[in-house]
């Protein structure tokens, strides 16, 4: 399967998941609003999600896939099966112990991740209760990610991409059907049980597909296994290098817990909307190129490795740049259309818009980090991203102080947006240092045609921005419309912007078909578009 086709397949299923995720957030906003209960749930859900992105989607996947790719390229199927069995047993055992400890020490975790909740004993106690229910999700989703990484390495991209749909379905069902069965003050507990149920469903769903590959064996403890040891050595430092954005977001949550009630929720909805294009395109692209880069490195193909990275970066520029611009310009209409009804008021839209614009500014940086990091991990180099990640994390902490403390001290509304802005700037710093490392190490070589591509993208974005500005309406008019009218107008604006952007690219001579896949050794002699 070609890489663009695989990316489209992953992106399509991710799009379905993200649309359901937006529907889930609309349901949350309608039934729960922005208050102490949602603040408690989002922190209780964010803590296992943070560890998930460290152990599952972050460090583990970045360490496991290159080793698995090497086993596939150089060893027989029995050894691959033995590796999967040892890794699943070892990872499962470690995470089971971590889960038990976290459930017993839930109040301590709340103190670490949301110390501001100590000022509200009821919110603090509720968060601890919810965390005991949601934390097992970490173990379940990490094993799901292991299964997904195996499937991706064998070209079965659709199944892992579809799996997150089950989380959104479970949470929507919990909010709509389970929550009303509880007392009003306890309804948010239903969401925590929805998270737990989703973890079970996602893991069970993928097992039959592993069986078809003859890779489903009973997990075994394999701490001393050669492959497990190599993965662990790569994984430990990769925890920092691949998940800096998540660490930064948790720093945001800690500081936001000291701000006015609703700040955690406003940041959550803003982050969710940025995650939409990031997941549909950025994470999909990174998911597809990592196995290819790993095999190219294992087969000693440095030129093809560099061309694959170059191809991925061209798509980042072509898709990430207009997505960033559109998200910033349409921040208000998006929030109004999706969330302003029920308990989510107009003032919540105003506050969430500030953080969405700040997060949106960093969208291109977030995507670049996702795509550039595999250039190191595929070569089993974890030290460089770690060093860069620490630099970006320290910068983010400093920027948080610079942006947020003065706003909070003088009680300026919207102090939470300073957290989002700091995270965005840190993402660009992270991406810039990763890119410099690839160039200086001789890993990345820019192919011809970048100047022309940049000019075409710039002119197309300018045309799109002018059209969106011409189609824009005052916030009061958006609020006065019905929900269906808001959605129709939003879809028309988004559609018009997309059509204008790609139409101008076409008029300027860019043919997307030429970027269907990276040039191979036999086709690399021509000029890149």
Foldseek 3Di string as FASTA:
>chain_A
DFLLVLLQLLLVLLLVLLVLVLVLVQLCCFQPNFFLLVLLLVLLQLVLVLLLCQLFVFLLLLLQLLLLLLCVVPHDPVVSLVLLQQQLQALLVVLVVVLVVCLVVLLVVCCVQAVLCVVPVVSSVSSSVLNNLQNVLNSLVRSLSSLQSVCLLVVNSNLSSNLSSLLSVLQSCLSPPVLVVDDPVCSSSSNSNSNNVSSVVSNVSSQVVCVVVVNDDNHDHDCPDPSNVSSVVLSPLRSLLGSLLSVLVSVLSHVQSNPDRRLSVLLVVLVSVLVSVCSSRLLSSLSNVLSVLSNCVSVVPLVLNQLQLQLSVLVLLQPVPLQLVVQLLCLLLVCLLRNPHRNHHPVSSVLSNLQNNLLSLQSSLSSLSSSLVSLQSSNSHSPQSSVLSVVLNVQLVVQLCVQQVVCVVVVPPNSSSSSSNSSSVSSNSSSVSSVVVCVVVVRHDHAADPVVSVVLQVVLSVQLNVQLVVLDDDSVVLNPDDSVVSVVSVVVSVVVSVCSSVVSSVVSPDDCVLSSHRDDPVGRPDGRD
